[in-house]
Amino acid sequence: MMKRLILICSFLLLAFITGCSSSEKADTKYYLLIVEGEENISDKFSKFISNDYSVVKSEYLTNLATAKEKYPKYEIEKDPAVFIFETGGGELKELKLKTYDIEEAVKFLEKTKKNK
């Protein structure tokens, strides 16, 4: 009887820990910085700014020089460029993806879809 009780408690504890870690992932929020340049790519990203995805804010810059001036520490080499940051408390916490490949950014954002 005692072994059964310990087994049940262990299972419940494991389920609780697993549940907590997955809900943390679901609560992750992202900030999207897009440097378009001459190519209009905003339509590829507009669907991610919704309640279905974890993107909470986005910024579109059409001028590479402006992007380099505003965000010098990210060494933006060319456009188009996409930067995806994890956010927390209204500030950018961590750069999760820097890419010049639009499809790579779209695939990353597809993974942020919230389960309904």
C-alpha atoms as a PDB file:
ATOM      1  CA  MET A   1       0.000   0.000   0.000  1.00  0.00           C
ATOM      2  CA  MET A   2       2.820   2.412   0.874  1.00  0.00           C
ATOM      3  CA  LYS A   3       4.635   1.660  -2.400  1.00  0.00           C
ATOM      4  CA  ARG A   4       1.444   2.421  -4.325  1.00  0.00           C
ATOM      5  CA  LEU A   5       1.053   5.751  -2.495  1.00  0.00           C
ATOM      6  CA  ILE A   6       4.669   6.709  -3.209  1.00  0.00           C
ATOM      7  CA  LEU A   7       4.231   5.757  -6.865  1.00  0.00           C
ATOM      8  CA  ILE A   8       1.080   7.855  -7.205  1.00  0.00           C
ATOM      9  CA  CYS A   9       2.708  10.849  -5.484  1.00  0.00           C
ATOM     10  CA  SER A  10       5.771  10.533  -7.712  1.00  0.00           C
ATOM     11  CA  PHE A  11       3.590  10.439 -10.821  1.00  0.00           C
ATOM     12  CA  LEU A  12       1.601  13.499  -9.708  1.00  0.00           C
ATOM     13  CA  LEU A  13       4.790  15.420  -8.946  1.00  0.00           C
ATOM     14  CA  LEU A  14       6.229  14.548 -12.362  1.00  0.00           C
ATOM     15  CA  ALA A  15       2.973  15.579 -14.078  1.00  0.00           C
ATOM     16  CA  PHE A  16       2.980  18.874 -12.175  1.00  0.00           C
ATOM     17  CA  ILE A  17       6.590  19.650 -13.122  1.00  0.00           C
ATOM     18  CA  THR A  18       5.975  18.759 -16.762  1.00  0.00           C
ATOM     19  CA  GLY A  19       2.831  20.884 -16.819  1.00  0.00           C
ATOM     20  CA  CYS A  20       4.633  23.878 -15.375  1.00  0.00           C
ATOM     21  CA  SER A  21       7.514  23.733 -17.820  1.00  0.00           C
ATOM     22  CA  SER A  22       5.253  23.501 -20.879  1.00  0.00           C
ATOM     23  CA  SER A  23       3.108  26.422 -19.724  1.00  0.00           C
ATOM     24  CA  GLU A  24       6.257  28.539 -19.352  1.00  0.00           C
ATOM     25  CA  LYS A  25       7.074  27.856 -22.989  1.00  0.00           C
ATOM     26  CA  ALA A  26       3.542  28.818 -24.016  1.00  0.00           C
ATOM     27  CA  ASP A  27       3.894  32.119 -22.152  1.00  0.00           C
ATOM     28  CA  THR A  28       7.039  33.112 -24.057  1.00  0.00           C
ATOM     29  CA  LYS A  29       6.455  36.338 -25.985  1.00  0.00           C
ATOM     30  CA  TYR A  30       8.347  37.553 -29.026  1.00  0.00           C
ATOM     31  CA  TYR A  31       9.217  40.898 -30.570  1.00  0.00           C
ATOM     32  CA  LEU A  32       9.747  40.935 -34.319  1.00  0.00           C
ATOM     33  CA  LEU A  33      12.129  43.363 -36.045  1.00  0.00           C
ATOM     34  CA  ILE A  34      11.978  43.325 -39.830  1.00  0.00           C
ATOM     35  CA  VAL A  35      14.329  45.266 -42.062  1.00  0.00           C
ATOM     36  CA  GLU A  36      12.596  45.149 -45.426  1.00  0.00           C
ATOM     37  CA  GLY A  37      14.718  47.316 -47.658  1.00  0.00           C
ATOM     38  CA  GLU A  38      13.381  47.395 -51.222  1.00  0.00           C
ATOM     39  CA  GLU A  39      11.463  44.134 -50.845  1.00  0.00           C
ATOM     40  CA  ASN A  40       8.007  44.347 -49.244  1.00  0.00           C
ATOM     41  CA  ILE A  41       7.859  41.279 -47.013  1.00  0.00           C
ATOM     42  CA  SER A  42       5.361  42.536 -44.420  1.00  0.00           C
ATOM     43  CA  ASP A  43       2.598  40.315 -45.823  1.00  0.00           C
ATOM     44  CA  LYS A  44       4.651  37.229 -44.902  1.00  0.00           C
ATOM     45  CA  PHE A  45       4.649  38.263 -41.230  1.00  0.00           C
ATOM     46  CA  SER A  46       1.303  39.987 -40.676  1.00  0.00           C
ATOM     47  CA  LYS A  47      -0.476  36.775 -39.587  1.00  0.00           C
ATOM     48  CA  PHE A  48       1.952  36.309 -36.703  1.00  0.00           C
ATOM     49  CA  ILE A  49       0.775  39.520 -35.017  1.00  0.00           C
ATOM     50  CA  SER A  50      -2.391  37.937 -33.644  1.00  0.00           C
ATOM     51  CA  ASN A  51      -3.727  36.070 -30.644  1.00  0.00           C
ATOM     52  CA  ASP A  52      -2.899  32.787 -32.397  1.00  0.00           C
ATOM     53  CA  TYR A  53       0.853  33.368 -32.128  1.00  0.00           C
ATOM     54  CA  SER A  54       3.246  34.551 -29.409  1.00  0.00           C
ATOM     55  CA  VAL A  55       4.423  37.680 -31.248  1.00  0.00           C
ATOM     56  CA  VAL A  56       3.326  40.667 -29.175  1.00  0.00           C
ATOM     57  CA  LYS A  57       4.957  43.477 -31.122  1.00  0.00           C
ATOM     58  CA  SER A  58       6.645  44.098 -34.429  1.00  0.00           C
ATOM     59  CA  GLU A  59       8.689  46.838 -36.026  1.00  0.00           C
ATOM     60  CA  TYR A  60       9.215  47.286 -39.749  1.00  0.00           C
ATOM     61  CA  LEU A  61      12.107  49.347 -41.065  1.00  0.00           C
ATOM     62  CA  THR A  62      12.395  49.980 -44.787  1.00  0.00           C
ATOM     63  CA  ASN A  63      15.819  51.604 -44.715  1.00  0.00           C
ATOM     64  CA  LEU A  64      18.967  49.590 -43.978  1.00  0.00           C
ATOM     65  CA  ALA A  65      20.902  52.684 -42.853  1.00  0.00           C
ATOM     66  CA  THR A  66      18.170  53.542 -40.328  1.00  0.00           C
ATOM     67  CA  ALA A  67      18.185  49.966 -39.021  1.00  0.00           C
ATOM     68  CA  LYS A  68      21.981  50.018 -38.588  1.00  0.00           C
ATOM     69  CA  GLU A  69      21.786  53.342 -36.772  1.00  0.00           C
ATOM     70  CA  LYS A  70      18.927  52.309 -34.489  1.00  0.00           C
ATOM     71  CA  TYR A  71      20.273  48.808 -33.720  1.00  0.00           C
ATOM     72  CA  PRO A  72      24.086  49.004 -34.088  1.00  0.00           C
ATOM     73  CA  LYS A  73      24.884  46.116 -31.761  1.00  0.00           C
ATOM     74  CA  TYR A  74      23.098  43.597 -34.019  1.00  0.00           C
ATOM     75  CA  GLU A  75      25.427  44.244 -36.975  1.00  0.00           C
ATOM     76  CA  ILE A  76      22.795  44.237 -39.703  1.00  0.00           C
ATOM     77  CA  GLU A  77      24.692  43.450 -42.893  1.00  0.00           C
ATOM     78  CA  LYS A  78      21.973  43.542 -45.547  1.00  0.00           C
ATOM     79  CA  ASP A  79      18.258  43.529 -46.157  1.00  0.00           C
ATOM     80  CA  PRO A  80      15.858  41.905 -45.911  1.00  0.00           C
ATOM     81  CA  ALA A  81      16.691  40.846 -42.375  1.00  0.00           C
ATOM     82  CA  VAL A  82      14.552  39.419 -39.591  1.00  0.00           C
ATOM     83  CA  PHE A  83      15.341  39.532 -35.885  1.00  0.00           C
ATOM     84  CA  ILE A  84      13.188  37.674 -33.379  1.00  0.00           C
ATOM     85  CA  PHE A  85      13.644  38.594 -29.728  1.00  0.00           C
ATOM     86  CA  GLU A  86      12.196  36.993 -26.622  1.00  0.00           C
ATOM     87  CA  THR A  87      10.584  39.738 -24.562  1.00  0.00           C
ATOM     88  CA  GLY A  88       9.933  40.137 -20.887  1.00  0.00           C
ATOM     89  CA  GLY A  89       8.470  43.029 -18.964  1.00  0.00           C
ATOM     90  CA  GLY A  90       8.330  45.203 -22.060  1.00  0.00           C
ATOM     91  CA  GLU A  91      12.021  44.900 -22.917  1.00  0.00           C
ATOM     92  CA  LEU A  92      14.006  42.742 -25.325  1.00  0.00           C
ATOM     93  CA  LYS A  93      15.579  39.929 -23.301  1.00  0.00           C
ATOM     94  CA  GLU A  94      17.310  37.679 -25.771  1.00  0.00           C
ATOM     95  CA  LEU A  95      17.883  37.519 -29.506  1.00  0.00           C
ATOM     96  CA  LYS A  96      16.437  34.145 -30.546  1.00  0.00           C
ATOM     97  CA  LEU A  97      16.966  34.397 -34.300  1.00  0.00           C
ATOM     98  CA  LYS A  98      18.868  36.649 -36.686  1.00  0.00           C
ATOM     99  CA  THR A  99      18.421  35.697 -40.301  1.00  0.00           C
ATOM    100  CA  TYR A 100      18.469  37.011 -43.831  1.00  0.00           C
ATOM    101  CA  ASP A 101      16.392  34.011 -44.917  1.00  0.00           C
ATOM    102  CA  ILE A 102      12.704  34.968 -44.802  1.00  0.00           C
ATOM    103  CA  GLU A 103      11.504  31.351 -44.882  1.00  0.00           C
ATOM    104  CA  GLU A 104      13.678  30.470 -41.872  1.00  0.00           C
ATOM    105  CA  ALA A 105      12.013  33.275 -39.891  1.00  0.00           C
ATOM    106  CA  VAL A 106       8.541  32.155 -40.984  1.00  0.00           C
ATOM    107  CA  LYS A 107       9.286  28.557 -39.895  1.00  0.00           C
ATOM    108  CA  PHE A 108      10.510  29.790 -36.499  1.00  0.00           C
ATOM    109  CA  LEU A 109       7.351  31.851 -35.998  1.00  0.00           C
ATOM    110  CA  GLU A 110       5.088  28.977 -37.091  1.00  0.00           C
ATOM    111  CA  LYS A 111       6.367  27.101 -34.026  1.00  0.00           C
ATOM    112  CA  THR A 112       5.055  29.876 -31.749  1.00  0.00           C
ATOM    113  CA  LYS A 113       1.448  29.092 -32.591  1.00  0.00           C
ATOM    114  CA  LYS A 114      -0.581  28.784 -29.423  1.00  0.00           C
ATOM    115  CA  ASN A 115      -2.582  25.629 -28.785  1.00  0.00           C
ATOM    116  CA  LYS A 116      -6.277  26.300 -28.614  1.00  0.00           C
END
